[in-house]
Amino acid sequence: MARSIVDIAVAAATKGNASRIVRVNVLAGQLRGIIPAQLIFCFGLMSENTIASGAHLNLEITPLIGRCRKCEEDFPVEDYSYFCPRCQGQDIDIVSGTELRVRDIEAE
């Protein structure tokens, strides 16, 4: 995962003629199970000897949000309980919390 983030950031910065990446902002869903300290450490290792070397990885963890198909209520999913708090329905779509993307990069 860290290697992919570095590769995406370096490709975007290179395309924009940047010589150094300062910060990489990543949006990660809660359901991804990311341990922030571990990913930040691995990002540092994977970015060595690239234009991202020394860059700061900023993680924004998004909560797990479900939407009931029956009553269309959006609600935070807690303790992996996929029941609608309004109607107790179990036919749930996940609308947030599974994403993983490089939101943007800061480069010089």
N, C-alpha and C. Protein backbone atom coordinates (compact mmCIF):
# COMPACT_ATOMS: atom_id res chain seq x y z
N MET A 1 0.83 -1.18 0.00
CA MET A 1 0.00 0.00 0.00
C MET A 1 0.88 1.25 0.00
N ALA A 2 1.89 1.26 0.84
CA ALA A 2 2.80 2.42 0.90
C ALA A 2 3.51 2.61 -0.43
N ARG A 3 3.94 1.52 -1.05
CA ARG A 3 4.62 1.61 -2.35
C ARG A 3 3.68 2.21 -3.39
N SER A 4 2.44 1.80 -3.39
CA SER A 4 1.47 2.33 -4.36
C SER A 4 1.25 3.83 -4.15
N ILE A 5 1.16 4.26 -2.90
CA ILE A 5 0.98 5.69 -2.61
C ILE A 5 2.18 6.49 -3.12
N VAL A 6 3.38 5.98 -2.87
CA VAL A 6 4.59 6.66 -3.36
C VAL A 6 4.57 6.71 -4.89
N ASP A 7 4.26 5.59 -5.52
CA ASP A 7 4.25 5.54 -6.99
C ASP A 7 3.26 6.54 -7.58
N ILE A 8 2.07 6.61 -7.01
CA ILE A 8 1.05 7.54 -7.50
C ILE A 8 1.52 8.98 -7.33
N ALA A 9 2.05 9.30 -6.15
CA ALA A 9 2.51 10.67 -5.87
C ALA A 9 3.67 11.06 -6.77
N VAL A 10 4.63 10.17 -6.95
CA VAL A 10 5.80 10.47 -7.79
C VAL A 10 5.36 10.66 -9.25
N ALA A 11 4.47 9.82 -9.72
CA ALA A 11 3.99 9.95 -11.11
C ALA A 11 3.28 11.30 -11.31
N ALA A 12 2.44 11.68 -10.37
CA ALA A 12 1.72 12.95 -10.49
C ALA A 12 2.68 14.14 -10.42
N ALA A 13 3.63 14.08 -9.50
CA ALA A 13 4.59 15.18 -9.35
C ALA A 13 5.49 15.30 -10.58
N THR A 14 5.91 14.17 -11.11
CA THR A 14 6.76 14.16 -12.30
C THR A 14 6.01 14.74 -13.49
N LYS A 15 4.75 14.37 -13.61
CA LYS A 15 3.91 14.90 -14.69
C LYS A 15 3.78 16.42 -14.59
N GLY A 16 3.78 16.93 -13.36
CA GLY A 16 3.67 18.37 -13.14
C GLY A 16 5.02 19.06 -13.07
N ASN A 17 6.08 18.37 -13.45
CA ASN A 17 7.44 18.91 -13.46
C ASN A 17 7.94 19.35 -12.09
N ALA A 18 7.48 18.70 -11.03
CA ALA A 18 7.96 19.02 -9.68
C ALA A 18 9.28 18.31 -9.43
N SER A 19 10.10 18.90 -8.59
CA SER A 19 11.39 18.29 -8.28
C SER A 19 11.40 17.64 -6.90
N ARG A 20 10.39 17.98 -6.07
CA ARG A 20 10.34 17.42 -4.72
C ARG A 20 8.91 17.41 -4.21
N ILE A 21 8.54 16.32 -3.57
CA ILE A 21 7.22 16.21 -2.94
C ILE A 21 7.39 16.54 -1.45
N VAL A 22 6.54 17.42 -0.97
CA VAL A 22 6.60 17.86 0.41
C VAL A 22 5.59 17.10 1.27
N ARG A 23 4.39 16.90 0.75
CA ARG A 23 3.32 16.26 1.51
C ARG A 23 2.43 15.47 0.57
N VAL A 24 1.95 14.33 1.07
CA VAL A 24 0.98 13.51 0.34
C VAL A 24 -0.22 13.35 1.26
N ASN A 25 -1.37 13.78 0.79
CA ASN A 25 -2.61 13.69 1.57
C ASN A 25 -3.43 12.51 1.07
N VAL A 26 -3.71 11.59 1.97
CA VAL A 26 -4.40 10.34 1.61
C VAL A 26 -5.70 10.24 2.40
N LEU A 27 -6.75 9.84 1.70
CA LEU A 27 -8.05 9.60 2.30
C LEU A 27 -8.21 8.08 2.41
N ALA A 28 -8.41 7.57 3.63
CA ALA A 28 -8.51 6.14 3.86
C ALA A 28 -9.73 5.82 4.70
N GLY A 29 -10.51 4.87 4.26
CA GLY A 29 -11.70 4.47 5.00
C GLY A 29 -11.36 3.62 6.22
N GLN A 30 -12.17 3.76 7.23
CA GLN A 30 -12.00 3.02 8.48
C GLN A 30 -11.96 1.52 8.25
N LEU A 31 -12.74 1.03 7.30
CA LEU A 31 -12.82 -0.41 7.05
C LEU A 31 -11.54 -0.97 6.43
N ARG A 32 -10.66 -0.11 5.97
CA ARG A 32 -9.38 -0.56 5.42
C ARG A 32 -8.46 -1.13 6.51
N GLY A 33 -8.75 -0.80 7.75
CA GLY A 33 -7.97 -1.33 8.85
C GLY A 33 -6.53 -0.84 8.89
N ILE A 34 -6.32 0.36 8.42
CA ILE A 34 -4.97 0.92 8.38
C ILE A 34 -4.52 1.32 9.78
N ILE A 35 -3.30 0.96 10.09
CA ILE A 35 -2.67 1.42 11.32
C ILE A 35 -1.80 2.60 10.90
N PRO A 36 -2.23 3.83 11.23
CA PRO A 36 -1.55 5.02 10.73
C PRO A 36 -0.04 5.03 10.94
N ALA A 37 0.43 4.74 12.13
CA ALA A 37 1.87 4.78 12.40
C ALA A 37 2.63 3.80 11.49
N GLN A 38 2.04 2.65 11.26
CA GLN A 38 2.68 1.64 10.42
C GLN A 38 2.76 2.11 8.97
N LEU A 39 1.67 2.66 8.45
CA LEU A 39 1.67 3.13 7.07
C LEU A 39 2.62 4.31 6.89
N ILE A 40 2.65 5.22 7.85
CA ILE A 40 3.56 6.37 7.78
C ILE A 40 5.01 5.89 7.77
N PHE A 41 5.33 4.92 8.62
CA PHE A 41 6.68 4.36 8.65
C PHE A 41 7.04 3.73 7.31
N CYS A 42 6.15 2.90 6.79
CA CYS A 42 6.41 2.22 5.51
C CYS A 42 6.51 3.22 4.35
N PHE A 43 5.70 4.27 4.40
CA PHE A 43 5.78 5.31 3.38
C PHE A 43 7.17 5.94 3.38
N GLY A 44 7.69 6.21 4.57
CA GLY A 44 9.04 6.76 4.67
C GLY A 44 10.08 5.86 4.05
N LEU A 45 9.97 4.56 4.29
CA LEU A 45 10.91 3.60 3.70
C LEU A 45 10.78 3.53 2.18
N MET A 46 9.54 3.46 1.71
CA MET A 46 9.30 3.31 0.28
C MET A 46 9.65 4.57 -0.51
N SER A 47 9.63 5.71 0.15
CA SER A 47 9.91 6.96 -0.56
C SER A 47 11.40 7.30 -0.64
N GLU A 48 12.24 6.55 0.09
CA GLU A 48 13.68 6.82 0.05
C GLU A 48 14.19 6.73 -1.40
N ASN A 49 15.10 7.62 -1.72
CA ASN A 49 15.72 7.68 -3.05
C ASN A 49 14.72 8.03 -4.16
N THR A 50 13.63 8.71 -3.80
CA THR A 50 12.68 9.22 -4.79
C THR A 50 12.49 10.70 -4.50
N ILE A 51 11.74 11.39 -5.34
CA ILE A 51 11.47 12.81 -5.08
C ILE A 51 10.51 12.99 -3.91
N ALA A 52 9.99 11.89 -3.38
CA ALA A 52 9.11 11.94 -2.20
C ALA A 52 9.88 11.71 -0.90
N SER A 53 11.19 11.51 -1.00
CA SER A 53 11.99 11.27 0.19
C SER A 53 11.85 12.43 1.17
N GLY A 54 11.50 12.13 2.41
CA GLY A 54 11.32 13.17 3.42
C GLY A 54 9.94 13.80 3.43
N ALA A 55 9.07 13.40 2.51
CA ALA A 55 7.72 13.96 2.45
C ALA A 55 6.90 13.48 3.65
N HIS A 56 5.95 14.31 4.03
CA HIS A 56 5.03 13.98 5.12
C HIS A 56 3.80 13.29 4.54
N LEU A 57 3.43 12.16 5.12
CA LEU A 57 2.19 11.48 4.73
C LEU A 57 1.11 11.88 5.71
N ASN A 58 0.07 12.53 5.20
CA ASN A 58 -1.06 12.95 6.02
C ASN A 58 -2.24 12.02 5.72
N LEU A 59 -2.70 11.32 6.75
CA LEU A 59 -3.82 10.39 6.59
C LEU A 59 -5.10 10.99 7.18
N GLU A 60 -6.16 10.95 6.41
CA GLU A 60 -7.48 11.30 6.91
C GLU A 60 -8.31 10.03 6.88
N ILE A 61 -8.71 9.55 8.05
CA ILE A 61 -9.49 8.33 8.15
C ILE A 61 -10.97 8.70 8.14
N THR A 62 -11.71 8.14 7.18
CA THR A 62 -13.15 8.41 7.08
C THR A 62 -13.93 7.32 7.81
N PRO A 63 -15.01 7.69 8.48
CA PRO A 63 -15.79 6.71 9.23
C PRO A 63 -16.58 5.79 8.31
N LEU A 64 -16.95 4.65 8.87
CA LEU A 64 -17.78 3.69 8.15
C LEU A 64 -19.23 4.15 8.24
N ILE A 65 -19.83 4.48 7.09
CA ILE A 65 -21.20 4.99 7.02
C ILE A 65 -22.03 4.05 6.16
N GLY A 66 -23.17 3.66 6.69
CA GLY A 66 -24.10 2.81 5.94
C GLY A 66 -25.34 3.58 5.56
N ARG A 67 -26.03 3.06 4.55
CA ARG A 67 -27.32 3.64 4.13
C ARG A 67 -28.32 2.50 4.00
N CYS A 68 -29.43 2.66 4.69
CA CYS A 68 -30.50 1.66 4.66
C CYS A 68 -31.23 1.75 3.32
N ARG A 69 -31.37 0.63 2.66
CA ARG A 69 -32.10 0.62 1.38
C ARG A 69 -33.60 0.78 1.58
N LYS A 70 -34.08 0.43 2.76
CA LYS A 70 -35.52 0.49 3.02
C LYS A 70 -35.97 1.93 3.32
N CYS A 71 -35.31 2.60 4.27
CA CYS A 71 -35.77 3.95 4.66
C CYS A 71 -34.79 5.05 4.26
N GLU A 72 -33.67 4.69 3.62
CA GLU A 72 -32.66 5.62 3.11
C GLU A 72 -31.96 6.43 4.19
N GLU A 73 -31.95 5.94 5.42
CA GLU A 73 -31.24 6.59 6.52
C GLU A 73 -29.74 6.34 6.39
N ASP A 74 -28.93 7.40 6.50
CA ASP A 74 -27.48 7.27 6.59
C ASP A 74 -27.10 7.24 8.06
N PHE A 75 -26.18 6.34 8.42
CA PHE A 75 -25.82 6.20 9.83
C PHE A 75 -24.40 5.65 9.96
N PRO A 76 -23.72 6.01 11.05
CA PRO A 76 -22.39 5.44 11.29
C PRO A 76 -22.53 3.98 11.73
N VAL A 77 -21.73 3.12 11.14
CA VAL A 77 -21.72 1.71 11.52
C VAL A 77 -20.73 1.56 12.66
N GLU A 78 -21.22 1.11 13.79
CA GLU A 78 -20.38 0.95 14.96
C GLU A 78 -20.34 -0.52 15.35
N ASP A 79 -19.16 -0.98 15.72
CA ASP A 79 -18.96 -2.37 16.14
C ASP A 79 -19.44 -3.36 15.08
N TYR A 80 -19.34 -2.97 13.82
CA TYR A 80 -19.72 -3.81 12.69
C TYR A 80 -21.16 -4.30 12.78
N SER A 81 -22.02 -3.47 13.36
CA SER A 81 -23.44 -3.77 13.47
C SER A 81 -24.15 -3.10 12.29
N TYR A 82 -24.53 -3.89 11.32
CA TYR A 82 -25.13 -3.39 10.09
C TYR A 82 -26.66 -3.41 10.18
N PHE A 83 -27.19 -2.72 11.18
CA PHE A 83 -28.63 -2.58 11.36
C PHE A 83 -28.98 -1.10 11.33
N CYS A 84 -30.01 -0.77 10.60
CA CYS A 84 -30.46 0.63 10.54
C CYS A 84 -31.00 1.04 11.90
N PRO A 85 -30.53 2.15 12.45
CA PRO A 85 -31.03 2.59 13.75
C PRO A 85 -32.47 3.12 13.69
N ARG A 86 -32.93 3.49 12.50
CA ARG A 86 -34.29 4.03 12.37
C ARG A 86 -35.32 2.91 12.25
N CYS A 87 -35.10 1.97 11.31
CA CYS A 87 -36.13 0.95 11.03
C CYS A 87 -35.66 -0.47 11.35
N GLN A 88 -34.43 -0.61 11.81
CA GLN A 88 -33.83 -1.91 12.13
C GLN A 88 -33.63 -2.81 10.91
N GLY A 89 -33.70 -2.19 9.71
CA GLY A 89 -33.47 -2.94 8.48
C GLY A 89 -32.04 -3.44 8.40
N GLN A 90 -31.85 -4.54 7.66
CA GLN A 90 -30.53 -5.13 7.51
C GLN A 90 -30.03 -5.08 6.07
N ASP A 91 -30.80 -4.47 5.19
CA ASP A 91 -30.39 -4.33 3.79
C ASP A 91 -29.64 -3.01 3.66
N ILE A 92 -28.32 -3.06 3.84
CA ILE A 92 -27.50 -1.87 4.00
C ILE A 92 -26.48 -1.75 2.87
N ASP A 93 -26.31 -0.54 2.35
CA ASP A 93 -25.21 -0.22 1.43
C ASP A 93 -24.16 0.54 2.23
N ILE A 94 -22.90 0.31 1.91
CA ILE A 94 -21.82 1.07 2.52
C ILE A 94 -21.56 2.27 1.63
N VAL A 95 -21.64 3.48 2.19
CA VAL A 95 -21.45 4.69 1.39
C VAL A 95 -20.13 5.39 1.69
N SER A 96 -19.48 5.02 2.79
CA SER A 96 -18.21 5.62 3.15
C SER A 96 -17.49 4.69 4.10
N GLY A 97 -16.17 4.72 4.02
CA GLY A 97 -15.38 3.93 4.95
C GLY A 97 -14.56 2.84 4.30
N THR A 98 -14.69 2.68 2.97
CA THR A 98 -13.92 1.66 2.27
C THR A 98 -12.90 2.27 1.30
N GLU A 99 -12.95 3.59 1.14
CA GLU A 99 -12.11 4.26 0.15
C GLU A 99 -10.63 4.26 0.54
N LEU A 100 -9.81 4.37 -0.47
CA LEU A 100 -8.37 4.57 -0.28
C LEU A 100 -7.88 5.29 -1.53
N ARG A 101 -7.50 6.56 -1.35
CA ARG A 101 -7.04 7.32 -2.51
C ARG A 101 -6.10 8.45 -2.09
N VAL A 102 -5.21 8.78 -2.99
CA VAL A 102 -4.37 9.94 -2.80
C VAL A 102 -5.24 11.14 -3.16
N ARG A 103 -5.52 11.95 -2.17
CA ARG A 103 -6.40 13.11 -2.40
C ARG A 103 -5.66 14.20 -3.15
N ASP A 104 -4.44 14.53 -2.70
CA ASP A 104 -3.62 15.51 -3.40
C ASP A 104 -2.20 15.44 -2.86
N ILE A 105 -1.32 16.13 -3.55
CA ILE A 105 0.07 16.19 -3.12
C ILE A 105 0.51 17.66 -3.13
N GLU A 106 1.47 17.96 -2.27
CA GLU A 106 2.11 19.28 -2.27
C GLU A 106 3.52 19.05 -2.74
N ALA A 107 3.92 19.77 -3.77
CA ALA A 107 5.24 19.58 -4.35
C ALA A 107 5.87 20.92 -4.71
N GLU A 108 7.18 20.88 -4.90
CA GLU A 108 7.92 22.09 -5.28
C GLU A 108 8.58 21.84 -6.62
